[in-house]
Amino acid sequence: MLRLLIAALFVTILAPAQATEAGWALLRNGGHVVLLRHAMTTGTVEPPRFDLEKCNTQLNLSDRGRQQARKIGALFAARAAPTEDVLSSRYCRALETARLAFGDRNVEPWDALDEKPAQGFEAADAAVMERIRAFSGSDNLVFVTHLENIQRLTGSNAREGEALIVSPQDQGLHVLGRIVFN
């Protein structure tokens, strides 16, 4: 029973810490692509009468999410993870995450990273994959997006504010590492 408890402790506490350190090691060298899920939000479902142009009609970052986004930026700077470009979904929660973490001037809104309906995402995913395959920078390229997009592109889940370091592989993306921002 004690062994089972120790194994569970390792999986829930120590494994994410090791994954996070391995992720930072990758980013310090530059030349990687990061899929960052937006920081923590005020809920889980988009409100009725959603309007992409009006933040007050959308699911937004919580106070804890804004704090988490600032922490993401501070850790990127402290860990010397150079960032070349930051592309973000046009949804307010993603844009705010990107701007709090990386600064207003460094963030480019891109509709290919927006949340997509169950059908009609193929063109957006193809655009994201094309941009990733074309990337050859010496710093890191960051995409701030949503869970559904990350799941389709990688087959993996990501917590709010979690970063996946990826590389192109066949038709999708291979996850090289993760960074968990609590």
N, C-alpha and C. Protein backbone atom coordinates (compact mmCIF):
# COMPACT_ATOMS: atom_id res chain seq x y z
N MET A 1 0.82 -1.19 0.00
CA MET A 1 0.00 0.00 0.00
C MET A 1 0.87 1.26 0.00
N LEU A 2 1.94 1.22 0.78
CA LEU A 2 2.84 2.37 0.85
C LEU A 2 3.50 2.63 -0.51
N ARG A 3 3.88 1.55 -1.22
CA ARG A 3 4.48 1.71 -2.55
C ARG A 3 3.49 2.37 -3.51
N LEU A 4 2.26 1.98 -3.45
CA LEU A 4 1.23 2.56 -4.30
C LEU A 4 1.04 4.04 -4.00
N LEU A 5 1.07 4.39 -2.74
CA LEU A 5 0.95 5.79 -2.33
C LEU A 5 2.15 6.61 -2.82
N ILE A 6 3.34 6.06 -2.71
CA ILE A 6 4.55 6.74 -3.18
C ILE A 6 4.50 6.91 -4.70
N ALA A 7 4.07 5.89 -5.41
CA ALA A 7 3.96 5.98 -6.87
C ALA A 7 2.96 7.06 -7.26
N ALA A 8 1.83 7.11 -6.57
CA ALA A 8 0.83 8.14 -6.86
C ALA A 8 1.38 9.53 -6.58
N LEU A 9 2.13 9.68 -5.51
CA LEU A 9 2.75 10.96 -5.17
C LEU A 9 3.72 11.39 -6.27
N PHE A 10 4.52 10.46 -6.77
CA PHE A 10 5.47 10.75 -7.83
C PHE A 10 4.75 11.24 -9.09
N VAL A 11 3.70 10.54 -9.47
CA VAL A 11 2.98 10.89 -10.69
C VAL A 11 2.32 12.26 -10.57
N THR A 12 1.76 12.59 -9.41
CA THR A 12 1.03 13.84 -9.27
C THR A 12 1.90 15.05 -8.94
N ILE A 13 3.04 14.84 -8.30
CA ILE A 13 3.86 15.97 -7.88
C ILE A 13 5.20 16.02 -8.60
N LEU A 14 5.94 14.95 -8.57
CA LEU A 14 7.30 14.97 -9.09
C LEU A 14 7.38 14.86 -10.60
N ALA A 15 6.54 14.07 -11.23
CA ALA A 15 6.60 13.91 -12.69
C ALA A 15 6.36 15.23 -13.42
N PRO A 16 5.33 16.05 -13.05
CA PRO A 16 5.19 17.34 -13.72
C PRO A 16 6.40 18.25 -13.52
N ALA A 17 7.02 18.20 -12.35
CA ALA A 17 8.20 19.03 -12.11
C ALA A 17 9.35 18.60 -13.01
N GLN A 18 9.55 17.30 -13.19
CA GLN A 18 10.59 16.82 -14.08
C GLN A 18 10.28 17.18 -15.53
N ALA A 19 9.01 17.05 -15.92
CA ALA A 19 8.61 17.42 -17.28
C ALA A 19 8.85 18.90 -17.50
N THR A 20 8.54 19.72 -16.51
CA THR A 20 8.73 21.16 -16.62
C THR A 20 10.21 21.49 -16.79
N GLU A 21 11.09 20.89 -16.02
CA GLU A 21 12.53 21.16 -16.14
C GLU A 21 13.06 20.74 -17.50
N ALA A 22 12.60 19.61 -18.00
CA ALA A 22 13.02 19.17 -19.33
C ALA A 22 12.53 20.14 -20.40
N GLY A 23 11.32 20.65 -20.23
CA GLY A 23 10.78 21.64 -21.16
C GLY A 23 11.60 22.92 -21.19
N TRP A 24 11.99 23.41 -20.01
CA TRP A 24 12.82 24.61 -19.94
C TRP A 24 14.17 24.39 -20.60
N ALA A 25 14.73 23.20 -20.42
CA ALA A 25 16.02 22.90 -21.05
C ALA A 25 15.91 23.01 -22.57
N LEU A 26 14.81 22.53 -23.14
CA LEU A 26 14.60 22.64 -24.58
C LEU A 26 14.50 24.11 -25.01
N LEU A 27 13.71 24.90 -24.27
CA LEU A 27 13.46 26.28 -24.67
C LEU A 27 14.68 27.18 -24.53
N ARG A 28 15.55 26.88 -23.58
CA ARG A 28 16.77 27.67 -23.41
C ARG A 28 17.62 27.66 -24.67
N ASN A 29 17.60 26.56 -25.39
CA ASN A 29 18.39 26.44 -26.61
C ASN A 29 17.75 27.15 -27.80
N GLY A 30 16.46 27.49 -27.70
CA GLY A 30 15.77 28.17 -28.79
C GLY A 30 15.46 27.24 -29.95
N GLY A 31 14.79 27.80 -30.96
CA GLY A 31 14.47 27.04 -32.15
C GLY A 31 13.29 26.11 -32.02
N HIS A 32 12.47 26.29 -30.97
CA HIS A 32 11.34 25.39 -30.75
C HIS A 32 10.00 26.11 -30.91
N VAL A 33 8.96 25.30 -31.09
CA VAL A 33 7.59 25.80 -31.19
C VAL A 33 6.86 25.40 -29.91
N VAL A 34 6.13 26.39 -29.35
CA VAL A 34 5.40 26.19 -28.10
C VAL A 34 3.91 26.40 -28.36
N LEU A 35 3.10 25.42 -27.99
CA LEU A 35 1.65 25.58 -27.96
C LEU A 35 1.28 25.86 -26.51
N LEU A 36 0.81 27.06 -26.24
CA LEU A 36 0.46 27.47 -24.88
C LEU A 36 -1.05 27.61 -24.79
N ARG A 37 -1.66 26.84 -23.90
CA ARG A 37 -3.09 27.01 -23.66
C ARG A 37 -3.26 28.27 -22.82
N HIS A 38 -4.27 29.07 -23.14
CA HIS A 38 -4.53 30.30 -22.39
C HIS A 38 -4.58 30.02 -20.90
N ALA A 39 -4.36 31.05 -20.10
CA ALA A 39 -4.36 30.92 -18.63
C ALA A 39 -5.78 30.66 -18.10
N MET A 40 -5.89 30.51 -16.79
CA MET A 40 -7.15 30.14 -16.12
C MET A 40 -8.26 31.16 -16.36
N THR A 41 -9.47 30.63 -16.55
CA THR A 41 -10.62 31.46 -16.89
C THR A 41 -11.66 31.50 -15.77
N THR A 42 -12.67 32.31 -16.00
CA THR A 42 -13.75 32.51 -15.03
C THR A 42 -14.80 31.41 -15.09
N GLY A 43 -14.73 30.54 -16.05
CA GLY A 43 -15.72 29.47 -16.18
C GLY A 43 -15.24 28.46 -17.20
N THR A 44 -16.20 27.66 -17.71
CA THR A 44 -15.83 26.62 -18.67
C THR A 44 -16.60 26.70 -19.98
N VAL A 45 -17.67 27.48 -20.03
CA VAL A 45 -18.53 27.54 -21.21
C VAL A 45 -18.66 28.98 -21.68
N GLU A 46 -18.57 29.16 -22.98
CA GLU A 46 -18.73 30.50 -23.57
C GLU A 46 -20.14 31.00 -23.26
N PRO A 47 -20.28 32.25 -22.78
CA PRO A 47 -21.61 32.80 -22.47
C PRO A 47 -22.48 32.92 -23.72
N PRO A 48 -23.81 32.98 -23.53
CA PRO A 48 -24.70 33.24 -24.68
C PRO A 48 -24.39 34.63 -25.26
N ARG A 49 -24.73 34.84 -26.50
CA ARG A 49 -24.51 36.11 -27.20
C ARG A 49 -23.03 36.47 -27.31
N PHE A 50 -22.21 35.46 -27.46
CA PHE A 50 -20.76 35.64 -27.64
C PHE A 50 -20.49 36.53 -28.85
N ASP A 51 -19.56 37.46 -28.69
CA ASP A 51 -19.12 38.32 -29.79
C ASP A 51 -17.60 38.43 -29.69
N LEU A 52 -16.90 38.00 -30.72
CA LEU A 52 -15.44 37.99 -30.72
C LEU A 52 -14.86 39.39 -30.53
N GLU A 53 -15.60 40.41 -30.92
CA GLU A 53 -15.11 41.79 -30.83
C GLU A 53 -15.35 42.42 -29.44
N LYS A 54 -16.11 41.74 -28.58
CA LYS A 54 -16.47 42.32 -27.28
C LYS A 54 -16.08 41.35 -26.15
N CYS A 55 -15.04 41.73 -25.42
CA CYS A 55 -14.54 40.86 -24.35
C CYS A 55 -15.59 40.61 -23.27
N ASN A 56 -16.48 41.57 -23.02
CA ASN A 56 -17.47 41.37 -21.96
C ASN A 56 -18.53 40.33 -22.32
N THR A 57 -18.53 39.81 -23.55
CA THR A 57 -19.47 38.75 -23.93
C THR A 57 -18.79 37.38 -23.96
N GLN A 58 -17.51 37.33 -23.57
CA GLN A 58 -16.73 36.10 -23.67
C GLN A 58 -16.33 35.56 -22.30
N LEU A 59 -15.90 34.31 -22.32
CA LEU A 59 -15.23 33.71 -21.18
C LEU A 59 -13.87 34.39 -21.08
N ASN A 60 -13.52 34.94 -19.92
CA ASN A 60 -12.29 35.71 -19.77
C ASN A 60 -11.40 35.12 -18.69
N LEU A 61 -10.18 35.68 -18.59
CA LEU A 61 -9.26 35.24 -17.55
C LEU A 61 -9.81 35.63 -16.18
N SER A 62 -9.59 34.76 -15.22
CA SER A 62 -9.89 35.07 -13.83
C SER A 62 -8.72 35.88 -13.27
N ASP A 63 -8.87 36.39 -12.05
CA ASP A 63 -7.74 37.08 -11.41
C ASP A 63 -6.55 36.13 -11.30
N ARG A 64 -6.83 34.89 -10.96
CA ARG A 64 -5.76 33.89 -10.87
C ARG A 64 -5.13 33.64 -12.24
N GLY A 65 -5.94 33.68 -13.29
CA GLY A 65 -5.44 33.50 -14.64
C GLY A 65 -4.52 34.64 -15.07
N ARG A 66 -4.89 35.88 -14.69
CA ARG A 66 -4.01 37.02 -15.00
C ARG A 66 -2.68 36.89 -14.26
N GLN A 67 -2.77 36.45 -13.01
CA GLN A 67 -1.54 36.22 -12.23
C GLN A 67 -0.71 35.11 -12.88
N GLN A 68 -1.36 34.06 -13.33
CA GLN A 68 -0.68 32.95 -13.99
C GLN A 68 0.00 33.43 -15.28
N ALA A 69 -0.68 34.26 -16.07
CA ALA A 69 -0.09 34.77 -17.32
C ALA A 69 1.15 35.61 -17.04
N ARG A 70 1.10 36.45 -16.01
CA ARG A 70 2.29 37.25 -15.64
C ARG A 70 3.44 36.34 -15.23
N LYS A 71 3.10 35.27 -14.50
CA LYS A 71 4.12 34.31 -14.06
C LYS A 71 4.75 33.62 -15.26
N ILE A 72 3.96 33.29 -16.26
CA ILE A 72 4.48 32.67 -17.48
C ILE A 72 5.55 33.57 -18.09
N GLY A 73 5.22 34.85 -18.24
CA GLY A 73 6.17 35.80 -18.81
C GLY A 73 7.42 35.95 -17.97
N ALA A 74 7.23 36.05 -16.66
CA ALA A 74 8.38 36.21 -15.76
C ALA A 74 9.29 34.98 -15.83
N LEU A 75 8.70 33.80 -15.92
CA LEU A 75 9.52 32.59 -15.99
C LEU A 75 10.22 32.46 -17.34
N PHE A 76 9.56 32.85 -18.42
CA PHE A 76 10.25 32.84 -19.72
C PHE A 76 11.47 33.75 -19.65
N ALA A 77 11.32 34.91 -19.04
CA ALA A 77 12.46 35.84 -18.93
C ALA A 77 13.52 35.30 -17.98
N ALA A 78 13.11 34.81 -16.82
CA ALA A 78 14.07 34.33 -15.82
C ALA A 78 14.81 33.07 -16.29
N ARG A 79 14.14 32.24 -17.04
CA ARG A 79 14.74 30.99 -17.50
C ARG A 79 15.50 31.17 -18.82
N ALA A 80 15.59 32.42 -19.27
CA ALA A 80 16.32 32.75 -20.51
C ALA A 80 15.81 31.93 -21.70
N ALA A 81 14.49 31.90 -21.84
CA ALA A 81 13.87 31.22 -22.97
C ALA A 81 13.53 32.28 -24.01
N PRO A 82 14.39 32.48 -25.01
CA PRO A 82 14.19 33.56 -25.98
C PRO A 82 12.94 33.32 -26.83
N THR A 83 12.18 34.38 -27.05
CA THR A 83 10.94 34.28 -27.81
C THR A 83 11.04 35.17 -29.04
N GLU A 84 10.85 34.55 -30.20
CA GLU A 84 10.92 35.27 -31.47
C GLU A 84 9.59 35.94 -31.81
N ASP A 85 8.55 35.15 -31.90
CA ASP A 85 7.21 35.65 -32.23
C ASP A 85 6.20 35.00 -31.30
N VAL A 86 5.12 35.76 -31.03
CA VAL A 86 4.00 35.23 -30.25
C VAL A 86 2.75 35.46 -31.09
N LEU A 87 2.11 34.37 -31.48
CA LEU A 87 0.86 34.43 -32.22
C LEU A 87 -0.24 33.95 -31.29
N SER A 88 -1.39 34.62 -31.34
CA SER A 88 -2.46 34.31 -30.39
C SER A 88 -3.81 34.20 -31.08
N SER A 89 -4.64 33.34 -30.54
CA SER A 89 -6.05 33.33 -30.89
C SER A 89 -6.59 34.73 -30.67
N ARG A 90 -7.63 35.11 -31.38
CA ARG A 90 -8.23 36.44 -31.23
C ARG A 90 -9.19 36.52 -30.04
N TYR A 91 -9.46 35.40 -29.39
CA TYR A 91 -10.33 35.41 -28.20
C TYR A 91 -9.63 36.20 -27.09
N CYS A 92 -10.41 36.95 -26.34
CA CYS A 92 -9.84 37.84 -25.32
C CYS A 92 -9.00 37.11 -24.29
N ARG A 93 -9.40 35.92 -23.87
CA ARG A 93 -8.63 35.19 -22.86
C ARG A 93 -7.25 34.80 -23.38
N ALA A 94 -7.17 34.45 -24.65
CA ALA A 94 -5.87 34.10 -25.24
C ALA A 94 -5.01 35.34 -25.46
N LEU A 95 -5.61 36.39 -26.00
CA LEU A 95 -4.87 37.64 -26.21
C LEU A 95 -4.35 38.21 -24.90
N GLU A 96 -5.20 38.20 -23.88
CA GLU A 96 -4.76 38.74 -22.59
C GLU A 96 -3.64 37.89 -22.01
N THR A 97 -3.73 36.57 -22.13
CA THR A 97 -2.64 35.70 -21.68
C THR A 97 -1.34 36.08 -22.38
N ALA A 98 -1.41 36.18 -23.69
CA ALA A 98 -0.21 36.49 -24.49
C ALA A 98 0.36 37.85 -24.14
N ARG A 99 -0.49 38.85 -24.01
CA ARG A 99 -0.02 40.21 -23.75
C ARG A 99 0.54 40.36 -22.34
N LEU A 100 -0.09 39.73 -21.36
CA LEU A 100 0.44 39.79 -19.99
C LEU A 100 1.78 39.04 -19.89
N ALA A 101 1.90 37.96 -20.63
CA ALA A 101 3.13 37.16 -20.55
C ALA A 101 4.27 37.74 -21.39
N PHE A 102 3.96 38.23 -22.57
CA PHE A 102 5.02 38.59 -23.51
C PHE A 102 5.02 40.06 -23.94
N GLY A 103 4.05 40.84 -23.48
CA GLY A 103 4.01 42.26 -23.82
C GLY A 103 3.18 42.53 -25.06
N ASP A 104 2.48 43.65 -25.07
CA ASP A 104 1.59 44.03 -26.18
C ASP A 104 2.27 44.01 -27.54
N ARG A 105 3.44 44.58 -27.62
CA ARG A 105 4.08 44.76 -28.93
C ARG A 105 4.55 43.46 -29.55
N ASN A 106 4.64 42.42 -28.78
CA ASN A 106 5.15 41.15 -29.28
C ASN A 106 4.06 40.18 -29.74
N VAL A 107 2.78 40.56 -29.59
CA VAL A 107 1.69 39.62 -29.83
C VAL A 107 0.96 39.95 -31.14
N GLU A 108 0.80 38.92 -31.96
CA GLU A 108 0.07 39.06 -33.22
C GLU A 108 -1.18 38.18 -33.18
N PRO A 109 -2.38 38.77 -33.23
CA PRO A 109 -3.60 37.95 -33.29
C PRO A 109 -3.65 37.18 -34.61
N TRP A 110 -4.08 35.91 -34.54
CA TRP A 110 -4.15 35.08 -35.75
C TRP A 110 -5.39 34.18 -35.65
N ASP A 111 -6.29 34.33 -36.60
CA ASP A 111 -7.56 33.60 -36.57
C ASP A 111 -7.40 32.08 -36.66
N ALA A 112 -6.31 31.58 -37.19
CA ALA A 112 -6.09 30.13 -37.27
C ALA A 112 -6.00 29.49 -35.89
N LEU A 113 -5.72 30.31 -34.86
CA LEU A 113 -5.60 29.79 -33.49
C LEU A 113 -6.88 29.92 -32.68
N ASP A 114 -7.94 30.51 -33.29
CA ASP A 114 -9.22 30.65 -32.61
C ASP A 114 -9.84 29.28 -32.33
N GLU A 115 -10.78 29.25 -31.39
CA GLU A 115 -11.55 28.02 -31.17
C GLU A 115 -12.36 27.76 -32.43
N LYS A 116 -12.46 26.51 -32.80
CA LYS A 116 -13.18 26.15 -34.02
C LYS A 116 -14.33 25.21 -33.69
N PRO A 117 -15.39 25.26 -34.50
CA PRO A 117 -16.47 24.30 -34.34
C PRO A 117 -15.99 22.89 -34.69
N ALA A 118 -16.81 21.91 -34.37
CA ALA A 118 -16.44 20.51 -34.62
C ALA A 118 -16.11 20.27 -36.09
N GLN A 119 -16.79 20.95 -37.00
CA GLN A 119 -16.45 20.88 -38.41
C GLN A 119 -15.89 22.23 -38.83
N GLY A 120 -15.06 22.24 -39.84
CA GLY A 120 -14.55 23.49 -40.37
C GLY A 120 -13.21 23.91 -39.82
N PHE A 121 -12.50 23.05 -39.11
CA PHE A 121 -11.21 23.41 -38.53
C PHE A 121 -10.04 23.01 -39.42
N GLU A 122 -10.28 22.25 -40.47
CA GLU A 122 -9.20 21.69 -41.28
C GLU A 122 -8.29 22.76 -41.86
N ALA A 123 -8.85 23.83 -42.43
CA ALA A 123 -8.04 24.89 -43.05
C ALA A 123 -7.18 25.60 -42.00
N ALA A 124 -7.76 25.85 -40.82
CA ALA A 124 -7.00 26.51 -39.75
C ALA A 124 -5.86 25.62 -39.27
N ASP A 125 -6.13 24.35 -39.06
CA ASP A 125 -5.08 23.42 -38.62
C ASP A 125 -3.98 23.33 -39.68
N ALA A 126 -4.37 23.31 -40.95
CA ALA A 126 -3.37 23.25 -42.02
C ALA A 126 -2.49 24.50 -42.01
N ALA A 127 -3.08 25.67 -41.76
CA ALA A 127 -2.31 26.92 -41.69
C ALA A 127 -1.33 26.89 -40.52
N VAL A 128 -1.78 26.38 -39.38
CA VAL A 128 -0.90 26.28 -38.21
C VAL A 128 0.26 25.32 -38.51
N MET A 129 -0.06 24.18 -39.09
CA MET A 129 0.99 23.20 -39.42
C MET A 129 1.98 23.78 -40.42
N GLU A 130 1.48 24.52 -41.40
CA GLU A 130 2.37 25.13 -42.40
C GLU A 130 3.32 26.13 -41.73
N ARG A 131 2.79 26.92 -40.82
CA ARG A 131 3.63 27.90 -40.11
C ARG A 131 4.68 27.19 -39.25
N ILE A 132 4.29 26.12 -38.60
CA ILE A 132 5.23 25.37 -37.76
C ILE A 132 6.31 24.73 -38.62
N ARG A 133 5.92 24.11 -39.71
CA ARG A 133 6.92 23.45 -40.58
C ARG A 133 7.88 24.47 -41.20
N ALA A 134 7.42 25.69 -41.44
CA ALA A 134 8.26 26.73 -42.05
C ALA A 134 9.17 27.41 -41.04
N PHE A 135 8.93 27.21 -39.75
CA PHE A 135 9.71 27.89 -38.72
C PHE A 135 11.14 27.38 -38.68
N SER A 136 12.07 28.31 -38.75
CA SER A 136 13.49 27.93 -38.66
C SER A 136 14.27 28.96 -37.85
N GLY A 137 13.58 29.65 -36.94
CA GLY A 137 14.22 30.69 -36.15
C GLY A 137 15.16 30.14 -35.10
N SER A 138 15.97 31.03 -34.56
CA SER A 138 16.90 30.62 -33.51
C SER A 138 16.29 30.81 -32.12
N ASP A 139 15.25 31.65 -32.02
CA ASP A 139 14.51 31.80 -30.77
C ASP A 139 13.28 30.88 -30.82
N ASN A 140 12.39 30.99 -29.85
CA ASN A 140 11.20 30.14 -29.81
C ASN A 140 9.98 30.85 -30.38
N LEU A 141 9.12 30.08 -31.02
CA LEU A 141 7.86 30.57 -31.58
C LEU A 141 6.75 30.08 -30.66
N VAL A 142 5.91 31.02 -30.19
CA VAL A 142 4.84 30.69 -29.23
C VAL A 142 3.48 30.91 -29.87
N PHE A 143 2.61 29.91 -29.76
CA PHE A 143 1.21 30.01 -30.18
C PHE A 143 0.35 29.94 -28.93
N VAL A 144 -0.47 30.95 -28.66
CA VAL A 144 -1.40 30.92 -27.53
C VAL A 144 -2.77 30.56 -28.09
N THR A 145 -3.31 29.44 -27.64
CA THR A 145 -4.52 28.92 -28.25
C THR A 145 -5.41 28.21 -27.23
N HIS A 146 -6.24 27.31 -27.69
CA HIS A 146 -7.27 26.67 -26.87
C HIS A 146 -7.06 25.15 -26.83
N LEU A 147 -7.66 24.53 -25.82
CA LEU A 147 -7.51 23.10 -25.60
C LEU A 147 -7.86 22.28 -26.84
N GLU A 148 -8.99 22.57 -27.47
CA GLU A 148 -9.45 21.78 -28.61
C GLU A 148 -8.41 21.77 -29.73
N ASN A 149 -7.79 22.92 -29.99
CA ASN A 149 -6.78 23.00 -31.03
C ASN A 149 -5.55 22.17 -30.67
N ILE A 150 -5.13 22.28 -29.42
CA ILE A 150 -3.98 21.51 -28.95
C ILE A 150 -4.26 20.01 -29.06
N GLN A 151 -5.46 19.60 -28.67
CA GLN A 151 -5.82 18.18 -28.74
C GLN A 151 -5.81 17.67 -30.18
N ARG A 152 -6.38 18.44 -31.09
CA ARG A 152 -6.41 17.99 -32.50
C ARG A 152 -5.00 17.90 -33.09
N LEU A 153 -4.16 18.89 -32.79
CA LEU A 153 -2.82 18.94 -33.39
C LEU A 153 -1.85 17.93 -32.78
N THR A 154 -2.02 17.63 -31.49
CA THR A 154 -1.03 16.78 -30.81
C THR A 154 -1.59 15.46 -30.30
N GLY A 155 -2.90 15.38 -30.12
CA GLY A 155 -3.48 14.21 -29.48
C GLY A 155 -3.31 14.23 -27.97
N SER A 156 -2.82 15.36 -27.42
CA SER A 156 -2.56 15.49 -25.98
C SER A 156 -3.45 16.56 -25.37
N ASN A 157 -3.66 16.44 -24.08
CA ASN A 157 -4.37 17.46 -23.32
C ASN A 157 -3.39 18.47 -22.76
N ALA A 158 -3.89 19.64 -22.39
CA ALA A 158 -3.08 20.66 -21.73
C ALA A 158 -3.96 21.39 -20.73
N ARG A 159 -3.43 21.61 -19.55
CA ARG A 159 -4.14 22.39 -18.54
C ARG A 159 -4.15 23.86 -18.95
N GLU A 160 -5.02 24.63 -18.33
CA GLU A 160 -4.98 26.07 -18.57
C GLU A 160 -3.61 26.59 -18.15
N GLY A 161 -2.95 27.32 -19.05
CA GLY A 161 -1.64 27.85 -18.78
C GLY A 161 -0.51 26.85 -18.92
N GLU A 162 -0.76 25.70 -19.54
CA GLU A 162 0.31 24.72 -19.75
C GLU A 162 0.88 24.88 -21.16
N ALA A 163 2.19 24.71 -21.28
CA ALA A 163 2.88 24.83 -22.56
C ALA A 163 3.36 23.46 -23.02
N LEU A 164 3.15 23.17 -24.30
CA LEU A 164 3.67 21.96 -24.91
C LEU A 164 4.70 22.39 -25.95
N ILE A 165 5.90 21.84 -25.86
CA ILE A 165 6.94 22.10 -26.85
C ILE A 165 6.79 21.00 -27.88
N VAL A 166 6.63 21.39 -29.16
CA VAL A 166 6.28 20.44 -30.20
C VAL A 166 7.22 20.52 -31.40
N SER A 167 7.21 19.45 -32.19
CA SER A 167 7.91 19.44 -33.47
C SER A 167 7.03 18.69 -34.47
N PRO A 168 7.13 19.06 -35.75
CA PRO A 168 6.31 18.37 -36.75
C PRO A 168 6.72 16.91 -36.88
N GLN A 169 5.73 16.06 -37.04
CA GLN A 169 5.97 14.63 -37.24
C GLN A 169 4.83 14.09 -38.08
N ASP A 170 5.13 13.57 -39.25
CA ASP A 170 4.12 13.06 -40.18
C ASP A 170 3.06 14.13 -40.41
N GLN A 171 1.80 13.81 -40.13
CA GLN A 171 0.71 14.76 -40.36
C GLN A 171 0.38 15.61 -39.15
N GLY A 172 0.99 15.32 -38.01
CA GLY A 172 0.67 16.04 -36.78
C GLY A 172 1.90 16.58 -36.10
N LEU A 173 1.80 16.69 -34.79
CA LEU A 173 2.89 17.23 -33.98
C LEU A 173 3.28 16.23 -32.91
N HIS A 174 4.57 16.17 -32.65
CA HIS A 174 5.12 15.32 -31.58
C HIS A 174 5.43 16.23 -30.39
N VAL A 175 4.98 15.85 -29.21
CA VAL A 175 5.24 16.62 -28.00
C VAL A 175 6.62 16.24 -27.47
N LEU A 176 7.53 17.23 -27.46
CA LEU A 176 8.90 17.01 -26.98
C LEU A 176 9.03 17.25 -25.49
N GLY A 177 8.19 18.14 -24.96
CA GLY A 177 8.25 18.48 -23.54
C GLY A 177 7.06 19.31 -23.13
N ARG A 178 6.92 19.50 -21.83
CA ARG A 178 5.80 20.27 -21.26
C ARG A 178 6.33 21.18 -20.18
N ILE A 179 5.63 22.29 -20.00
CA ILE A 179 5.90 23.18 -18.87
C ILE A 179 4.56 23.49 -18.22
N VAL A 180 4.46 23.19 -16.95
CA VAL A 180 3.22 23.44 -16.20
C VAL A 180 3.40 24.72 -15.39
N PHE A 181 2.50 25.67 -15.59
CA PHE A 181 2.52 26.93 -14.83
C PHE A 181 1.34 26.89 -13.87
N ASN A 182 1.60 26.74 -12.59
CA ASN A 182 0.52 26.68 -11.59
C ASN A 182 0.06 28.05 -11.17
